[in-house]
All heavy atoms as atom14 arrays in JSON, in Angstrom:
{
  "sequence": "AYDRYVAICSPLLYNVTMSPKVCSVLVTGVYIMASIEAVSYTISNIM",
  "atom14_mask": [
    [1, 1, 1, 1, 1, 0, 0, 0, 0, 0, 0, 0, 0, 0],
    [1, 1, 1, 1, 1, 1, 1, 1, 1, 1, 1, 1, 0, 0],
    [1, 1, 1, 1, 1, 1, 1, 1, 0, 0, 0, 0, 0, 0],
    [1, 1, 1, 1, 1, 1, 1, 1, 1, 1, 1, 0, 0, 0],
    [1, 1, 1, 1, 1, 1, 1, 1, 1, 1, 1, 1, 0, 0],
    [1, 1, 1, 1, 1, 1, 1, 0, 0, 0, 0, 0, 0, 0],
    [1, 1, 1, 1, 1, 0, 0, 0, 0, 0, 0, 0, 0, 0],
    [1, 1, 1, 1, 1, 1, 1, 1, 0, 0, 0, 0, 0, 0],
    [1, 1, 1, 1, 1, 1, 0, 0, 0, 0, 0, 0, 0, 0],
    [1, 1, 1, 1, 1, 1, 0, 0, 0, 0, 0, 0, 0, 0],
    [1, 1, 1, 1, 1, 1, 1, 0, 0, 0, 0, 0, 0, 0],
    [1, 1, 1, 1, 1, 1, 1, 1, 0, 0, 0, 0, 0, 0],
    [1, 1, 1, 1, 1, 1, 1, 1, 0, 0, 0, 0, 0, 0],
    [1, 1, 1, 1, 1, 1, 1, 1, 1, 1, 1, 1, 0, 0],
    [1, 1, 1, 1, 1, 1, 1, 1, 0, 0, 0, 0, 0, 0],
    [1, 1, 1, 1, 1, 1, 1, 0, 0, 0, 0, 0, 0, 0],
    [1, 1, 1, 1, 1, 1, 1, 0, 0, 0, 0, 0, 0, 0],
    [1, 1, 1, 1, 1, 1, 1, 1, 0, 0, 0, 0, 0, 0],
    [1, 1, 1, 1, 1, 1, 0, 0, 0, 0, 0, 0, 0, 0],
    [1, 1, 1, 1, 1, 1, 1, 0, 0, 0, 0, 0, 0, 0],
    [1, 1, 1, 1, 1, 1, 1, 1, 1, 0, 0, 0, 0, 0],
    [1, 1, 1, 1, 1, 1, 1, 0, 0, 0, 0, 0, 0, 0],
    [1, 1, 1, 1, 1, 1, 0, 0, 0, 0, 0, 0, 0, 0],
    [1, 1, 1, 1, 1, 1, 0, 0, 0, 0, 0, 0, 0, 0],
    [1, 1, 1, 1, 1, 1, 1, 0, 0, 0, 0, 0, 0, 0],
    [1, 1, 1, 1, 1, 1, 1, 1, 0, 0, 0, 0, 0, 0],
    [1, 1, 1, 1, 1, 1, 1, 0, 0, 0, 0, 0, 0, 0],
    [1, 1, 1, 1, 1, 1, 1, 0, 0, 0, 0, 0, 0, 0],
    [1, 1, 1, 1, 0, 0, 0, 0, 0, 0, 0, 0, 0, 0],
    [1, 1, 1, 1, 1, 1, 1, 0, 0, 0, 0, 0, 0, 0],
    [1, 1, 1, 1, 1, 1, 1, 1, 1, 1, 1, 1, 0, 0],
    [1, 1, 1, 1, 1, 1, 1, 1, 0, 0, 0, 0, 0, 0],
    [1, 1, 1, 1, 1, 1, 1, 1, 0, 0, 0, 0, 0, 0],
    [1, 1, 1, 1, 1, 0, 0, 0, 0, 0, 0, 0, 0, 0],
    [1, 1, 1, 1, 1, 1, 0, 0, 0, 0, 0, 0, 0, 0],
    [1, 1, 1, 1, 1, 1, 1, 1, 0, 0, 0, 0, 0, 0],
    [1, 1, 1, 1, 1, 1, 1, 1, 1, 0, 0, 0, 0, 0],
    [1, 1, 1, 1, 1, 0, 0, 0, 0, 0, 0, 0, 0, 0],
    [1, 1, 1, 1, 1, 1, 1, 0, 0, 0, 0, 0, 0, 0],
    [1, 1, 1, 1, 1, 1, 0, 0, 0, 0, 0, 0, 0, 0],
    [1, 1, 1, 1, 1, 1, 1, 1, 1, 1, 1, 1, 0, 0],
    [1, 1, 1, 1, 1, 1, 1, 0, 0, 0, 0, 0, 0, 0],
    [1, 1, 1, 1, 1, 1, 1, 1, 0, 0, 0, 0, 0, 0],
    [1, 1, 1, 1, 1, 1, 0, 0, 0, 0, 0, 0, 0, 0],
    [1, 1, 1, 1, 1, 1, 1, 1, 0, 0, 0, 0, 0, 0],
    [1, 1, 1, 1, 1, 1, 1, 1, 0, 0, 0, 0, 0, 0],
    [1, 1, 1, 1, 1, 1, 1, 1, 0, 0, 0, 0, 0, 0]
  ],
  "atom14_positions": [
    [[0.84, -1.2, 0.0], [0.01, -0.01, 0.0], [0.87, 1.26, -0.01], [0.58, 2.23, -0.72], [-0.94, 0.0, 1.22], [0.0, 0.0, 0.0], [0.0, 0.0, 0.0], [0.0, 0.0, 0.0], [0.0, 0.0, 0.0], [0.0, 0.0, 0.0], [0.0, 0.0, 0.0], [0.0, 0.0, 0.0], [0.0, 0.0, 0.0], [0.0, 0.0, 0.0]],
    [[1.97, 1.24, 0.78], [2.88, 2.36, 0.78], [3.53, 2.55, -0.58], [3.72, 3.67, -1.07], [3.94, 2.15, 1.86], [4.99, 3.22, 1.89], [4.71, 4.52, 2.33], [6.31, 2.96, 1.47], [5.64, 5.52, 2.33], [7.27, 3.96, 1.49], [6.95, 5.24, 1.91], [7.91, 6.22, 1.92], [0.0, 0.0, 0.0], [0.0, 0.0, 0.0]],
    [[3.89, 1.44, -1.24], [4.48, 1.52, -2.57], [3.49, 2.14, -3.56], [3.9, 2.99, -4.36], [4.81, 0.07, -3.03], [5.24, 0.03, -4.48], [6.4, 0.4, -4.75], [4.41, -0.35, -5.35], [0.0, 0.0, 0.0], [0.0, 0.0, 0.0], [0.0, 0.0, 0.0], [0.0, 0.0, 0.0], [0.0, 0.0, 0.0], [0.0, 0.0, 0.0]],
    [[2.23, 1.79, -3.48], [1.21, 2.4, -4.35], [1.05, 3.89, -4.04], [0.85, 4.72, -4.93], [-0.12, 1.69, -4.21], [-0.15, 0.27, -4.75], [0.12, 0.19, -6.24], [1.56, 0.2, -6.53], [2.11, 0.66, -7.65], [1.38, 1.18, -8.59], [3.41, 0.63, -7.81], [0.0, 0.0, 0.0], [0.0, 0.0, 0.0], [0.0, 0.0, 0.0]],
    [[1.12, 4.24, -2.75], [1.03, 5.65, -2.35], [2.16, 6.47, -2.97], [1.91, 7.54, -3.55], [1.08, 5.76, -0.83], [1.53, 7.12, -0.32], [0.7, 8.23, -0.39], [2.82, 7.28, 0.21], [1.12, 9.46, 0.05], [3.23, 8.52, 0.66], [2.39, 9.61, 0.57], [2.82, 10.83, 1.01], [0.0, 0.0, 0.0], [0.0, 0.0, 0.0]],
    [[3.37, 5.99, -2.87], [4.51, 6.72, -3.45], [4.39, 6.8, -4.98], [4.65, 7.84, -5.6], [5.85, 6.05, -3.05], [7.03, 6.77, -3.71], [6.01, 6.06, -1.54], [0.0, 0.0, 0.0], [0.0, 0.0, 0.0], [0.0, 0.0, 0.0], [0.0, 0.0, 0.0], [0.0, 0.0, 0.0], [0.0, 0.0, 0.0], [0.0, 0.0, 0.0]],
    [[3.98, 5.69, -5.61], [3.89, 5.65, -7.08], [2.87, 6.63, -7.6], [3.09, 7.27, -8.66], [3.55, 4.22, -7.53], [0.0, 0.0, 0.0], [0.0, 0.0, 0.0], [0.0, 0.0, 0.0], [0.0, 0.0, 0.0], [0.0, 0.0, 0.0], [0.0, 0.0, 0.0], [0.0, 0.0, 0.0], [0.0, 0.0, 0.0], [0.0, 0.0, 0.0]],
    [[1.75, 6.83, -6.91], [0.67, 7.68, -7.39], [0.82, 9.09, -6.89], [0.57, 10.06, -7.67], [-0.7, 7.11, -6.98], [-0.94, 5.76, -7.69], [-1.82, 8.09, -7.28], [-2.21, 5.06, -7.26], [0.0, 0.0, 0.0], [0.0, 0.0, 0.0], [0.0, 0.0, 0.0], [0.0, 0.0, 0.0], [0.0, 0.0, 0.0], [0.0, 0.0, 0.0]],
    [[1.25, 9.28, -5.67], [1.32, 10.64, -5.1], [2.66, 11.33, -5.34], [2.72, 12.57, -5.36], [1.05, 10.57, -3.58], [-0.6, 9.97, -3.17], [0.0, 0.0, 0.0], [0.0, 0.0, 0.0], [0.0, 0.0, 0.0], [0.0, 0.0, 0.0], [0.0, 0.0, 0.0], [0.0, 0.0, 0.0], [0.0, 0.0, 0.0], [0.0, 0.0, 0.0]],
    [[3.72, 10.57, -5.54], [5.04, 11.16, -5.79], [5.75, 10.41, -6.91], [6.81, 9.82, -6.71], [5.91, 11.15, -4.53], [5.27, 11.82, -3.46], [0.0, 0.0, 0.0], [0.0, 0.0, 0.0], [0.0, 0.0, 0.0], [0.0, 0.0, 0.0], [0.0, 0.0, 0.0], [0.0, 0.0, 0.0], [0.0, 0.0, 0.0], [0.0, 0.0, 0.0]],
    [[5.16, 10.39, -8.13], [5.72, 9.57, -9.19], [7.12, 9.96, -9.59], [7.93, 9.12, -9.99], [4.73, 9.75, -10.36], [4.03, 11.03, -10.04], [3.96, 11.12, -8.57], [0.0, 0.0, 0.0], [0.0, 0.0, 0.0], [0.0, 0.0, 0.0], [0.0, 0.0, 0.0], [0.0, 0.0, 0.0], [0.0, 0.0, 0.0], [0.0, 0.0, 0.0]],
    [[7.44, 11.27, -9.55], [8.77, 11.74, -9.96], [9.86, 11.29, -8.97], [11.02, 11.18, -9.35], [8.79, 13.25, -10.12], [7.83, 13.82, -11.19], [7.93, 15.34, -11.23], [8.15, 13.23, -12.56], [0.0, 0.0, 0.0], [0.0, 0.0, 0.0], [0.0, 0.0, 0.0], [0.0, 0.0, 0.0], [0.0, 0.0, 0.0], [0.0, 0.0, 0.0]],
    [[9.47, 11.09, -7.71], [10.43, 10.65, -6.71], [10.36, 9.15, -6.39], [11.0, 8.68, -5.46], [10.19, 11.46, -5.4], [10.34, 12.95, -5.52], [9.94, 13.62, -4.19], [11.76, 13.35, -5.9], [0.0, 0.0, 0.0], [0.0, 0.0, 0.0], [0.0, 0.0, 0.0], [0.0, 0.0, 0.0], [0.0, 0.0, 0.0], [0.0, 0.0, 0.0]],
    [[9.57, 8.44, -7.23], [9.33, 7.03, -6.91], [10.61, 6.21, -6.84], [10.85, 5.48, -5.89], [8.37, 6.44, -7.95], [8.03, 4.99, -7.73], [7.26, 4.58, -6.63], [8.5, 4.0, -8.62], [6.97, 3.24, -6.44], [8.19, 2.67, -8.43], [7.43, 2.3, -7.33], [7.13, 0.97, -7.12], [0.0, 0.0, 0.0], [0.0, 0.0, 0.0]],
    [[11.45, 6.3, -7.85], [12.66, 5.5, -7.91], [13.65, 5.86, -6.79], [14.44, 5.02, -6.35], [13.35, 5.66, -9.29], [12.57, 5.01, -10.38], [11.85, 4.02, -10.14], [12.64, 5.54, -11.6], [0.0, 0.0, 0.0], [0.0, 0.0, 0.0], [0.0, 0.0, 0.0], [0.0, 0.0, 0.0], [0.0, 0.0, 0.0], [0.0, 0.0, 0.0]],
    [[13.61, 7.12, -6.34], [14.47, 7.52, -5.24], [13.91, 7.06, -3.91], [14.64, 6.49, -3.09], [14.66, 9.05, -5.26], [15.52, 9.5, -4.06], [15.32, 9.51, -6.56], [0.0, 0.0, 0.0], [0.0, 0.0, 0.0], [0.0, 0.0, 0.0], [0.0, 0.0, 0.0], [0.0, 0.0, 0.0], [0.0, 0.0, 0.0], [0.0, 0.0, 0.0]],
    [[12.6, 7.31, -3.72], [11.98, 6.95, -2.44], [11.97, 5.43, -2.23], [12.26, 4.94, -1.14], [10.56, 7.49, -2.38], [10.58, 8.93, -2.61], [9.91, 7.21, -1.02], [0.0, 0.0, 0.0], [0.0, 0.0, 0.0], [0.0, 0.0, 0.0], [0.0, 0.0, 0.0], [0.0, 0.0, 0.0], [0.0, 0.0, 0.0], [0.0, 0.0, 0.0]],
    [[11.62, 4.72, -3.31], [11.55, 3.26, -3.2], [12.82, 2.63, -3.8], [12.78, 1.77, -4.7], [10.32, 2.74, -3.96], [8.99, 3.28, -3.42], [8.74, 2.96, -1.66], [8.6, 1.16, -1.7], [0.0, 0.0, 0.0], [0.0, 0.0, 0.0], [0.0, 0.0, 0.0], [0.0, 0.0, 0.0], [0.0, 0.0, 0.0], [0.0, 0.0, 0.0]],
    [[13.94, 3.06, -3.29], [15.23, 2.52, -3.73], [15.38, 1.06, -3.27], [14.65, 0.57, -2.36], [16.38, 3.35, -3.17], [16.41, 3.22, -1.74], [0.0, 0.0, 0.0], [0.0, 0.0, 0.0], [0.0, 0.0, 0.0], [0.0, 0.0, 0.0], [0.0, 0.0, 0.0], [0.0, 0.0, 0.0], [0.0, 0.0, 0.0], [0.0, 0.0, 0.0]],
    [[16.3, 0.27, -3.87], [16.5, -1.08, -3.44], [16.77, -1.23, -1.95], [16.31, -2.15, -1.3], [17.69, -1.56, -4.26], [17.61, -0.74, -5.51], [17.11, 0.62, -5.08], [0.0, 0.0, 0.0], [0.0, 0.0, 0.0], [0.0, 0.0, 0.0], [0.0, 0.0, 0.0], [0.0, 0.0, 0.0], [0.0, 0.0, 0.0], [0.0, 0.0, 0.0]],
    [[17.5, -0.27, -1.37], [17.8, -0.3, 0.03], [16.53, -0.13, 0.87], [16.31, -0.86, 1.86], [18.82, 0.8, 0.4], [19.24, 0.79, 1.87], [20.28, 1.87, 2.16], [20.67, 1.82, 3.64], [21.69, 2.87, 3.94], [0.0, 0.0, 0.0], [0.0, 0.0, 0.0], [0.0, 0.0, 0.0], [0.0, 0.0, 0.0], [0.0, 0.0, 0.0]],
    [[15.71, 0.84, 0.48], [14.44, 1.08, 1.21], [13.55, -0.16, 1.12], [12.93, -0.58, 2.11], [13.74, 2.32, 0.65], [12.33, 2.44, 1.26], [14.54, 3.57, 0.94], [0.0, 0.0, 0.0], [0.0, 0.0, 0.0], [0.0, 0.0, 0.0], [0.0, 0.0, 0.0], [0.0, 0.0, 0.0], [0.0, 0.0, 0.0], [0.0, 0.0, 0.0]],
    [[13.45, -0.73, -0.06], [12.6, -1.93, -0.25], [13.11, -3.08, 0.62], [12.31, -3.8, 1.23], [12.59, -2.35, -1.73], [11.73, -1.18, -2.81], [0.0, 0.0, 0.0], [0.0, 0.0, 0.0], [0.0, 0.0, 0.0], [0.0, 0.0, 0.0], [0.0, 0.0, 0.0], [0.0, 0.0, 0.0], [0.0, 0.0, 0.0], [0.0, 0.0, 0.0]],
    [[14.42, -3.24, 0.68], [14.98, -4.33, 1.5], [14.73, -4.09, 2.97], [14.42, -5.04, 3.72], [16.5, -4.42, 1.26], [16.77, -4.76, -0.1], [0.0, 0.0, 0.0], [0.0, 0.0, 0.0], [0.0, 0.0, 0.0], [0.0, 0.0, 0.0], [0.0, 0.0, 0.0], [0.0, 0.0, 0.0], [0.0, 0.0, 0.0], [0.0, 0.0, 0.0]],
    [[14.81, -2.83, 3.4], [14.52, -2.5, 4.8], [13.06, -2.8, 5.13], [12.74, -3.37, 6.18], [14.87, -1.04, 5.1], [14.31, -0.6, 6.46], [16.37, -0.81, 5.05], [0.0, 0.0, 0.0], [0.0, 0.0, 0.0], [0.0, 0.0, 0.0], [0.0, 0.0, 0.0], [0.0, 0.0, 0.0], [0.0, 0.0, 0.0], [0.0, 0.0, 0.0]],
    [[12.15, -2.43, 4.21], [10.72, -2.68, 4.45], [10.43, -4.17, 4.56], [9.71, -4.6, 5.46], [9.9, -2.06, 3.32], [9.77, -0.54, 3.31], [9.08, -0.06, 2.06], [9.0, -0.04, 4.54], [0.0, 0.0, 0.0], [0.0, 0.0, 0.0], [0.0, 0.0, 0.0], [0.0, 0.0, 0.0], [0.0, 0.0, 0.0], [0.0, 0.0, 0.0]],
    [[11.01, -4.95, 3.63], [10.75, -6.4, 3.65], [11.38, -7.03, 4.89], [10.77, -7.94, 5.51], [11.27, -7.05, 2.37], [11.24, -8.56, 2.46], [10.46, -6.6, 1.18], [0.0, 0.0, 0.0], [0.0, 0.0, 0.0], [0.0, 0.0, 0.0], [0.0, 0.0, 0.0], [0.0, 0.0, 0.0], [0.0, 0.0, 0.0], [0.0, 0.0, 0.0]],
    [[12.54, -6.57, 5.27], [13.17, -7.1, 6.5], [12.32, -6.79, 7.7], [12.13, -7.64, 8.59], [14.58, -6.49, 6.66], [15.4, -6.79, 5.55], [15.24, -7.02, 7.96], [0.0, 0.0, 0.0], [0.0, 0.0, 0.0], [0.0, 0.0, 0.0], [0.0, 0.0, 0.0], [0.0, 0.0, 0.0], [0.0, 0.0, 0.0], [0.0, 0.0, 0.0]],
    [[11.76, -5.55, 7.75], [10.85, -5.21, 8.85], [9.62, -6.09, 8.9], [9.15, -6.44, 9.96], [0.0, 0.0, 0.0], [0.0, 0.0, 0.0], [0.0, 0.0, 0.0], [0.0, 0.0, 0.0], [0.0, 0.0, 0.0], [0.0, 0.0, 0.0], [0.0, 0.0, 0.0], [0.0, 0.0, 0.0], [0.0, 0.0, 0.0], [0.0, 0.0, 0.0]],
    [[9.09, -6.47, 7.71], [7.96, -7.37, 7.62], [8.27, -8.68, 8.34], [7.49, -9.17, 9.19], [7.57, -7.63, 6.17], [6.61, -8.8, 6.07], [6.94, -6.38, 5.57], [0.0, 0.0, 0.0], [0.0, 0.0, 0.0], [0.0, 0.0, 0.0], [0.0, 0.0, 0.0], [0.0, 0.0, 0.0], [0.0, 0.0, 0.0], [0.0, 0.0, 0.0]],
    [[9.43, -9.27, 8.03], [9.78, -10.57, 8.59], [10.15, -10.49, 10.07], [9.95, -11.42, 10.83], [10.9, -11.21, 7.79], [10.47, -11.52, 6.36], [11.25, -11.13, 5.27], [9.3, -12.2, 6.11], [10.86, -11.42, 3.98], [8.88, -12.49, 4.81], [9.66, -12.1, 3.76], [9.26, -12.37, 2.46], [0.0, 0.0, 0.0], [0.0, 0.0, 0.0]],
    [[10.69, -9.35, 10.47], [10.98, -9.16, 11.91], [9.68, -9.09, 12.73], [9.57, -9.77, 13.76], [11.83, -7.89, 12.12], [13.25, -8.07, 11.62], [11.86, -7.51, 13.62], [14.07, -6.81, 11.66], [0.0, 0.0, 0.0], [0.0, 0.0, 0.0], [0.0, 0.0, 0.0], [0.0, 0.0, 0.0], [0.0, 0.0, 0.0], [0.0, 0.0, 0.0]],
    [[8.7, -8.34, 12.25], [7.46, -8.25, 12.95], [6.74, -9.61, 12.99], [6.13, -10.01, 13.98], [6.54, -7.2, 12.28], [7.05, -5.78, 12.42], [7.26, -5.24, 14.11], [5.59, -5.33, 14.73], [0.0, 0.0, 0.0], [0.0, 0.0, 0.0], [0.0, 0.0, 0.0], [0.0, 0.0, 0.0], [0.0, 0.0, 0.0], [0.0, 0.0, 0.0]],
    [[6.82, -10.34, 11.88], [6.21, -11.68, 11.81], [6.88, -12.62, 12.81], [6.2, -13.4, 13.48], [6.32, -12.23, 10.4], [0.0, 0.0, 0.0], [0.0, 0.0, 0.0], [0.0, 0.0, 0.0], [0.0, 0.0, 0.0], [0.0, 0.0, 0.0], [0.0, 0.0, 0.0], [0.0, 0.0, 0.0], [0.0, 0.0, 0.0], [0.0, 0.0, 0.0]],
    [[8.2, -12.55, 12.94], [8.92, -13.41, 13.88], [8.55, -13.1, 15.31], [8.35, -14.02, 16.14], [10.45, -13.24, 13.67], [10.83, -13.61, 12.37], [0.0, 0.0, 0.0], [0.0, 0.0, 0.0], [0.0, 0.0, 0.0], [0.0, 0.0, 0.0], [0.0, 0.0, 0.0], [0.0, 0.0, 0.0], [0.0, 0.0, 0.0], [0.0, 0.0, 0.0]],
    [[8.44, -11.81, 15.64], [8.09, -11.41, 16.99], [6.73, -11.97, 17.41], [6.54, -12.54, 18.48], [8.11, -9.89, 17.14], [9.54, -9.33, 17.01], [7.49, -9.45, 18.47], [9.64, -7.84, 16.97], [0.0, 0.0, 0.0], [0.0, 0.0, 0.0], [0.0, 0.0, 0.0], [0.0, 0.0, 0.0], [0.0, 0.0, 0.0], [0.0, 0.0, 0.0]],
    [[5.74, -11.81, 16.52], [4.4, -12.31, 16.84], [4.35, -13.81, 16.91], [3.78, -14.4, 17.82], [3.38, -11.76, 15.84], [1.98, -12.27, 16.13], [0.91, -11.43, 15.47], [1.17, -10.27, 15.16], [-0.22, -11.96, 15.3], [0.0, 0.0, 0.0], [0.0, 0.0, 0.0], [0.0, 0.0, 0.0], [0.0, 0.0, 0.0], [0.0, 0.0, 0.0]],
    [[5.01, -14.47, 15.99], [4.97, -15.95, 15.96], [5.66, -16.53, 17.2], [5.14, -17.46, 17.79], [5.67, -16.46, 14.67], [0.0, 0.0, 0.0], [0.0, 0.0, 0.0], [0.0, 0.0, 0.0], [0.0, 0.0, 0.0], [0.0, 0.0, 0.0], [0.0, 0.0, 0.0], [0.0, 0.0, 0.0], [0.0, 0.0, 0.0], [0.0, 0.0, 0.0]],
    [[6.76, -15.95, 17.59], [7.47, -16.43, 18.78], [6.62, -16.22, 20.03], [6.5, -17.1, 20.9], [8.82, -15.74, 18.92], [9.44, -16.02, 20.29], [9.79, -16.23, 17.85], [0.0, 0.0, 0.0], [0.0, 0.0, 0.0], [0.0, 0.0, 0.0], [0.0, 0.0, 0.0], [0.0, 0.0, 0.0], [0.0, 0.0, 0.0], [0.0, 0.0, 0.0]],
    [[6.0, -15.04, 20.14], [5.22, -14.73, 21.35], [4.01, -15.67, 21.48], [3.72, -16.19, 22.55], [4.75, -13.27, 21.3], [3.9, -13.03, 20.21], [0.0, 0.0, 0.0], [0.0, 0.0, 0.0], [0.0, 0.0, 0.0], [0.0, 0.0, 0.0], [0.0, 0.0, 0.0], [0.0, 0.0, 0.0], [0.0, 0.0, 0.0], [0.0, 0.0, 0.0]],
    [[3.31, -15.93, 20.37], [2.14, -16.81, 20.41], [2.56, -18.25, 20.68], [1.9, -18.98, 21.42], [1.36, -16.74, 19.12], [0.52, -15.51, 18.95], [0.36, -14.91, 17.69], [-0.13, -14.94, 20.02], [-0.41, -13.77, 17.54], [-0.89, -13.8, 19.87], [-1.04, -13.22, 18.64], [-1.79, -12.09, 18.49], [0.0, 0.0, 0.0], [0.0, 0.0, 0.0]],
    [[3.63, -18.68, 20.06], [4.05, -20.07, 20.22], [4.53, -20.36, 21.64], [4.14, -21.38, 22.24], [5.19, -20.41, 19.23], [4.74, -20.12, 17.88], [5.55, -21.89, 19.3], [0.0, 0.0, 0.0], [0.0, 0.0, 0.0], [0.0, 0.0, 0.0], [0.0, 0.0, 0.0], [0.0, 0.0, 0.0], [0.0, 0.0, 0.0], [0.0, 0.0, 0.0]],
    [[5.3, -19.49, 22.2], [5.8, -19.66, 23.56], [4.61, -19.67, 24.56], [4.54, -20.5, 25.47], [6.79, -18.56, 23.96], [8.1, -18.77, 23.15], [7.08, -18.59, 25.45], [9.14, -17.69, 23.43], [0.0, 0.0, 0.0], [0.0, 0.0, 0.0], [0.0, 0.0, 0.0], [0.0, 0.0, 0.0], [0.0, 0.0, 0.0], [0.0, 0.0, 0.0]],
    [[3.67, -18.75, 24.35], [2.53, -18.67, 25.28], [1.69, -19.97, 25.2], [1.12, -20.42, 26.19], [1.65, -17.45, 24.95], [1.06, -17.58, 23.68], [0.0, 0.0, 0.0], [0.0, 0.0, 0.0], [0.0, 0.0, 0.0], [0.0, 0.0, 0.0], [0.0, 0.0, 0.0], [0.0, 0.0, 0.0], [0.0, 0.0, 0.0], [0.0, 0.0, 0.0]],
    [[1.61, -20.59, 24.02], [0.87, -21.85, 23.9], [1.65, -23.06, 24.39], [1.07, -24.01, 24.89], [0.43, -22.05, 22.42], [-0.84, -21.31, 22.09], [-1.95, -21.84, 22.25], [-0.7, -20.09, 21.62], [0.0, 0.0, 0.0], [0.0, 0.0, 0.0], [0.0, 0.0, 0.0], [0.0, 0.0, 0.0], [0.0, 0.0, 0.0], [0.0, 0.0, 0.0]],
    [[2.95, -23.0, 24.27], [3.79, -24.06, 24.82], [3.64, -24.15, 26.32], [3.73, -25.21, 26.93], [5.26, -23.9, 24.39], [5.44, -24.2, 22.9], [6.19, -24.75, 25.22], [6.83, -23.92, 22.37], [0.0, 0.0, 0.0], [0.0, 0.0, 0.0], [0.0, 0.0, 0.0], [0.0, 0.0, 0.0], [0.0, 0.0, 0.0], [0.0, 0.0, 0.0]],
    [[3.4, -23.0, 26.95], [3.28, -22.97, 28.41], [1.92, -23.42, 28.93], [1.7, -23.48, 30.14], [3.56, -21.54, 28.88], [4.98, -21.07, 28.57], [5.3, -19.37, 29.09], [5.27, -19.54, 30.89], [0.0, 0.0, 0.0], [0.0, 0.0, 0.0], [0.0, 0.0, 0.0], [0.0, 0.0, 0.0], [0.0, 0.0, 0.0], [0.0, 0.0, 0.0]]
  ]
}
């Protein structure tokens, strides 16, 4: 959704704003948040 926001609202800055580094940071953040939630739920159920 953020990618679509940048593409439509700031098309001239799209390639700069959504650089490979920024995209990698966003995807890494996705997997970090997923890991935190999965670990918390799994540990609570193991107990």
